[in-house]
Amino acid sequence: MVASYYGHIDCVRELVLQGADINLQRESGATSLFFAAQQGHNDVVKFLFSFGASTEFRNKDGGTALLAACQYGHAKVVETLLKHGANIHDQLYDGASAIFLAAQGGYLDVIRLLLSSGAKVNQPRQDGTAPLWIASQMGHSEVVRVMLLRGAERDAARDDGTTALLKAAIKGYNNVIEELLKFSPTLGLLKNGTSALHAAVLSGNVRTVALLLEAGADPCLRNKANELPAELTKNERILRLLRAKEKQRKS
């Protein structure tokens, strides 16, 4: 396990030839293959497979070698694991899938590989968080673009009612917002009683507010607390944008 973790292929080979158990698990459930995959040592991964390493073992969180490789962005290792029978639909016990973990880390090459191998782009975690949501929340605009092109549901909401657009608006990730807006996401009130425009105004993101208004967000829309977006800020630049859009809509 230690040799696999550090990528010492010669040491791994000697230990295996001397009878080391390739599929032995730590108390955490991790195996030598898990450690090699986690650290991106593709030569070690290939060697372990040649002596019967299994992809089916899980650690205490439900993690497999494939999930570990995806979480750390090791595309070559992911490719090797899939060729040797790793289950592309593996999930942690909280429901996080391989593509979810890759999306969280922003690993575009891994995501493309997973999608071309049959991964489900809309597979949510148990709390309803979809891969697109987590990519948006982390600001990975290229990942967002690719996933939208491959069928990601633009308005998929987490259990708390938040969507990818709302999270990007809160964070001020304008590159993400621009990608999402190409697919006409909901600009009105969400199930949680607020809108992306309310979130952007509250967060003080001037450029985000401008993008949403340009896309058709309604400055006269009230949230569940009966508040207009303009009532959530004292930022003069944002207030000017909102007033100008309101005047434009009235005219």
Protein backbone atom coordinates (compact mmCIF):
# COMPACT_ATOMS: atom_id res chain seq x y z
CA MET A 1 0.00 0.00 0.00
CA VAL A 2 2.75 2.43 0.93
CA ALA A 3 4.76 1.63 -2.19
CA SER A 4 1.65 2.04 -4.35
CA TYR A 5 0.81 5.37 -2.74
CA TYR A 6 4.25 6.78 -3.51
CA GLY A 7 4.46 5.24 -6.98
CA HIS A 8 7.49 3.03 -6.31
CA ILE A 9 6.80 0.58 -9.11
CA ASP A 10 9.93 -1.52 -8.58
CA CYS A 11 9.12 -1.91 -4.91
CA VAL A 12 5.51 -2.80 -5.71
CA ARG A 13 6.69 -5.41 -8.21
CA GLU A 14 9.11 -7.02 -5.76
CA LEU A 15 6.55 -7.15 -2.97
CA VAL A 16 3.94 -8.73 -5.23
CA LEU A 17 6.45 -11.32 -6.47
CA GLN A 18 7.25 -12.11 -2.85
CA GLY A 19 3.58 -12.85 -2.20
CA ALA A 20 2.03 -9.59 -0.98
CA ASP A 21 -1.78 -9.62 -1.07
CA ILE A 22 -2.78 -7.10 -3.74
CA ASN A 23 -6.38 -6.82 -2.56
CA LEU A 24 -5.69 -6.48 1.16
CA GLN A 25 -7.73 -3.64 2.69
CA ARG A 26 -6.86 -1.19 5.43
CA GLU A 27 -9.38 -0.62 8.21
CA SER A 28 -10.62 2.28 6.12
CA GLY A 29 -11.32 -0.13 3.27
CA ALA A 30 -8.70 1.29 0.92
CA THR A 31 -6.49 -1.05 -1.14
CA SER A 32 -3.20 -0.67 -2.97
CA LEU A 33 -5.14 0.01 -6.18
CA PHE A 34 -7.08 2.77 -4.43
CA PHE A 35 -3.89 4.50 -3.29
CA ALA A 36 -2.19 4.21 -6.68
CA ALA A 37 -5.29 5.58 -8.41
CA GLN A 38 -5.69 8.41 -5.91
CA GLN A 39 -2.11 9.54 -6.46
CA GLY A 40 -2.19 9.15 -10.24
CA HIS A 41 0.41 6.39 -10.59
CA ASN A 42 -0.87 4.80 -13.80
CA ASP A 43 2.11 2.43 -14.15
CA VAL A 44 1.39 1.01 -10.71
CA VAL A 45 -2.32 0.73 -11.49
CA LYS A 46 -1.58 -1.24 -14.67
CA PHE A 47 0.84 -3.50 -12.84
CA LEU A 48 -1.63 -4.24 -10.06
CA PHE A 49 -4.25 -5.18 -12.63
CA SER A 50 -1.84 -7.63 -14.23
CA PHE A 51 -1.77 -9.49 -10.91
CA GLY A 52 -5.49 -9.49 -10.24
CA ALA A 53 -6.32 -6.22 -8.51
CA SER A 54 -10.06 -5.66 -8.07
CA THR A 55 -11.92 -2.39 -8.71
CA GLU A 56 -14.84 -3.36 -6.47
CA PHE A 57 -13.45 -2.62 -3.01
CA ARG A 58 -14.80 0.45 -1.19
CA ASN A 59 -13.49 2.56 1.65
CA LYS A 60 -15.59 3.70 4.61
CA ASP A 61 -17.10 6.55 2.55
CA GLY A 62 -17.98 4.28 -0.35
CA GLY A 63 -14.98 5.42 -2.36
CA THR A 64 -13.52 3.19 -5.05
CA ALA A 65 -10.32 3.48 -7.05
CA LEU A 66 -12.31 5.08 -9.89
CA LEU A 67 -13.90 7.66 -7.63
CA ALA A 68 -10.50 8.51 -6.13
CA ALA A 69 -8.93 8.99 -9.56
CA CYS A 70 -11.81 11.22 -10.67
CA GLN A 71 -11.70 13.29 -7.49
CA TYR A 72 -8.04 14.09 -8.10
CA GLY A 73 -8.26 14.50 -11.87
CA HIS A 74 -6.08 11.63 -13.06
CA ALA A 75 -7.46 11.08 -16.56
CA LYS A 76 -4.98 8.39 -17.62
CA VAL A 77 -5.73 6.38 -14.50
CA VAL A 78 -9.47 6.78 -15.07
CA GLU A 79 -9.04 5.44 -18.59
CA THR A 80 -7.06 2.45 -17.32
CA LEU A 81 -9.60 1.69 -14.61
CA LEU A 82 -12.51 1.80 -17.03
CA LYS A 83 -10.68 -0.52 -19.43
CA HIS A 84 -10.29 -3.00 -16.58
CA GLY A 85 -13.93 -3.07 -15.62
CA ALA A 86 -14.38 -0.25 -13.13
CA ASN A 87 -18.05 0.68 -12.76
CA ILE A 88 -18.59 4.14 -14.21
CA HIS A 89 -21.74 4.46 -12.09
CA ASP A 90 -19.89 4.05 -8.77
CA GLN A 91 -21.07 6.50 -6.08
CA LEU A 92 -19.92 7.48 -2.63
CA TYR A 93 -22.40 6.65 0.11
CA ASP A 94 -23.63 10.25 -0.04
CA GLY A 95 -24.48 9.73 -3.72
CA ALA A 96 -21.57 11.62 -5.28
CA SER A 97 -20.72 10.00 -8.60
CA ALA A 98 -17.49 9.91 -10.57
CA ILE A 99 -18.63 12.77 -12.79
CA PHE A 100 -19.79 14.76 -9.76
CA LEU A 101 -16.33 14.53 -8.18
CA ALA A 102 -14.62 15.44 -11.45
CA ALA A 103 -17.00 18.40 -11.89
CA GLN A 104 -16.26 19.59 -8.37
CA GLY A 105 -12.55 19.64 -9.15
CA GLY A 106 -12.99 21.15 -12.61
CA TYR A 107 -11.24 18.28 -14.40
CA LEU A 108 -12.47 18.76 -17.95
CA ASP A 109 -10.47 15.92 -19.52
CA VAL A 110 -11.83 13.47 -16.95
CA ILE A 111 -15.38 14.70 -17.51
CA ARG A 112 -15.12 14.29 -21.27
CA LEU A 113 -13.79 10.76 -20.79
CA LEU A 114 -16.57 9.86 -18.37
CA LEU A 115 -19.29 11.29 -20.61
CA SER A 116 -17.98 9.44 -23.64
CA SER A 117 -17.98 6.26 -21.55
CA GLY A 118 -21.62 6.54 -20.52
CA ALA A 119 -21.64 8.56 -17.30
CA LYS A 120 -24.97 10.18 -16.40
CA VAL A 121 -24.53 13.94 -16.59
CA ASN A 122 -27.55 14.62 -14.35
CA GLN A 123 -26.87 12.04 -11.61
CA PRO A 124 -27.47 13.96 -8.35
CA ARG A 125 -26.01 13.45 -4.91
CA GLN A 126 -28.48 12.43 -2.18
CA ASP A 127 -29.15 16.07 -1.31
CA GLY A 128 -30.16 16.75 -4.90
CA THR A 129 -26.90 18.43 -5.90
CA ALA A 130 -26.23 17.74 -9.58
CA PRO A 131 -22.81 17.83 -11.26
CA LEU A 132 -23.77 21.06 -13.08
CA TRP A 133 -24.68 22.67 -9.75
CA ILE A 134 -21.36 21.82 -8.12
CA ALA A 135 -19.38 22.94 -11.19
CA SER A 136 -21.23 26.26 -11.14
CA GLN A 137 -20.72 26.68 -7.41
CA MET A 138 -16.99 26.15 -7.88
CA GLY A 139 -16.75 28.51 -10.86
CA HIS A 140 -15.69 25.97 -13.49
CA SER A 141 -17.14 27.64 -16.59
CA GLU A 142 -15.63 25.27 -19.16
CA VAL A 143 -17.01 22.28 -17.30
CA VAL A 144 -20.41 23.99 -17.17
CA ARG A 145 -20.29 24.60 -20.92
CA VAL A 146 -19.43 21.00 -21.76
CA MET A 147 -22.04 19.56 -19.45
CA LEU A 148 -24.77 21.81 -20.81
CA LEU A 149 -23.87 20.75 -24.33
CA ARG A 150 -24.11 17.13 -23.22
CA GLY A 151 -27.60 17.51 -21.80
CA ALA A 152 -27.22 18.78 -18.25
CA GLU A 153 -30.52 20.12 -16.87
CA ARG A 154 -29.96 23.84 -16.54
CA ASP A 155 -32.57 24.33 -13.81
CA ALA A 156 -31.96 21.20 -11.75
CA ALA A 157 -32.49 22.29 -8.15
CA ARG A 158 -30.90 20.99 -4.98
CA ASP A 159 -33.14 20.03 -2.06
CA ASP A 160 -32.82 23.58 -0.71
CA GLY A 161 -34.26 24.95 -3.97
CA THR A 162 -31.05 26.51 -5.26
CA THR A 163 -30.02 26.12 -8.90
CA ALA A 164 -26.71 26.41 -10.74
CA LEU A 165 -27.57 29.95 -11.86
CA LEU A 166 -28.47 31.06 -8.33
CA LYS A 167 -25.19 29.72 -6.92
CA ALA A 168 -23.16 31.36 -9.67
CA ALA A 169 -25.02 34.62 -9.03
CA ILE A 170 -24.24 34.48 -5.32
CA LYS A 171 -20.57 33.84 -6.04
CA GLY A 172 -20.30 36.35 -8.87
CA TYR A 173 -18.96 33.78 -11.33
CA ASN A 174 -19.83 35.70 -14.47
CA ASN A 175 -18.16 33.30 -16.90
CA VAL A 176 -20.37 30.53 -15.52
CA ILE A 177 -23.44 32.75 -15.74
CA GLU A 178 -22.70 33.57 -19.37
CA GLU A 179 -22.59 29.85 -20.21
CA LEU A 180 -25.81 29.14 -18.32
CA LEU A 181 -27.65 32.03 -19.95
CA LYS A 182 -26.99 30.52 -23.39
CA PHE A 183 -29.41 27.76 -22.36
CA SER A 184 -32.19 30.06 -21.09
CA PRO A 185 -32.36 29.09 -17.41
CA THR A 186 -35.22 30.24 -15.20
CA LEU A 187 -34.86 33.90 -14.25
CA GLY A 188 -38.03 34.03 -12.16
CA LEU A 189 -38.72 32.89 -8.62
CA LEU A 190 -37.36 29.51 -7.63
CA LYS A 191 -38.93 27.01 -5.25
CA ASN A 192 -37.06 28.58 -2.36
CA GLY A 193 -38.79 31.91 -3.00
CA THR A 194 -35.95 33.96 -4.41
CA SER A 195 -34.38 34.61 -7.81
CA ALA A 196 -30.91 34.81 -9.28
CA LEU A 197 -31.33 38.59 -9.59
CA HIS A 198 -32.19 38.94 -5.90
CA ALA A 199 -29.12 36.85 -5.05
CA ALA A 200 -26.82 38.90 -7.28
CA VAL A 201 -28.10 42.18 -5.87
CA LEU A 202 -27.76 40.97 -2.30
CA SER A 203 -24.19 39.85 -3.00
CA GLY A 204 -23.27 43.19 -4.57
CA ASN A 205 -22.09 41.77 -7.90
CA VAL A 206 -22.60 44.64 -10.34
CA ARG A 207 -21.55 42.77 -13.48
CA THR A 208 -23.70 39.79 -12.50
CA VAL A 209 -26.72 42.05 -12.04
CA ALA A 210 -26.10 43.57 -15.47
CA LEU A 211 -25.85 40.15 -17.12
CA LEU A 212 -29.10 38.96 -15.58
CA LEU A 213 -30.95 42.15 -16.49
CA GLU A 214 -29.69 41.94 -20.07
CA ALA A 215 -30.97 38.36 -20.21
CA GLY A 216 -34.46 39.47 -19.16
CA ALA A 217 -34.53 39.22 -15.36
CA ASP A 218 -37.41 41.28 -13.95
CA PRO A 219 -36.33 44.08 -11.56
CA CYS A 220 -39.97 44.35 -10.40
CA LEU A 221 -40.17 40.74 -9.23
CA ARG A 222 -40.73 40.33 -5.50
CA ASN A 223 -39.29 37.45 -3.48
CA LYS A 224 -41.17 35.41 -0.86
CA ALA A 225 -40.50 38.17 1.66
CA ASN A 226 -42.22 40.61 -0.74
CA GLU A 227 -38.93 42.41 -1.42
CA LEU A 228 -37.89 43.96 -4.70
CA PRO A 229 -34.24 43.45 -5.76
CA ALA A 230 -33.64 47.18 -5.27
CA GLU A 231 -34.66 46.89 -1.63
CA LEU A 232 -31.76 44.56 -0.94
CA THR A 233 -28.90 46.95 -1.66
CA LYS A 234 -27.55 50.45 -1.19
CA ASN A 235 -25.03 50.06 -4.01
CA GLU A 236 -25.66 53.04 -6.29
CA ARG A 237 -24.31 51.32 -9.42
CA ILE A 238 -26.65 48.39 -8.93
CA LEU A 239 -29.59 50.69 -8.14
CA ARG A 240 -28.98 52.63 -11.34
CA LEU A 241 -29.01 49.42 -13.36
CA LEU A 242 -32.25 48.27 -11.75
CA ARG A 243 -33.97 51.64 -12.21
CA ALA A 244 -32.88 51.88 -15.83
CA LYS A 245 -34.23 48.41 -16.56
CA GLU A 246 -37.46 49.14 -14.70
CA LYS A 247 -37.92 52.34 -16.69
CA GLN A 248 -37.20 50.46 -19.92
CA ARG A 249 -39.79 47.82 -19.13
CA LYS A 250 -42.44 50.40 -18.29
CA SER A 251 -41.82 52.26 -21.53
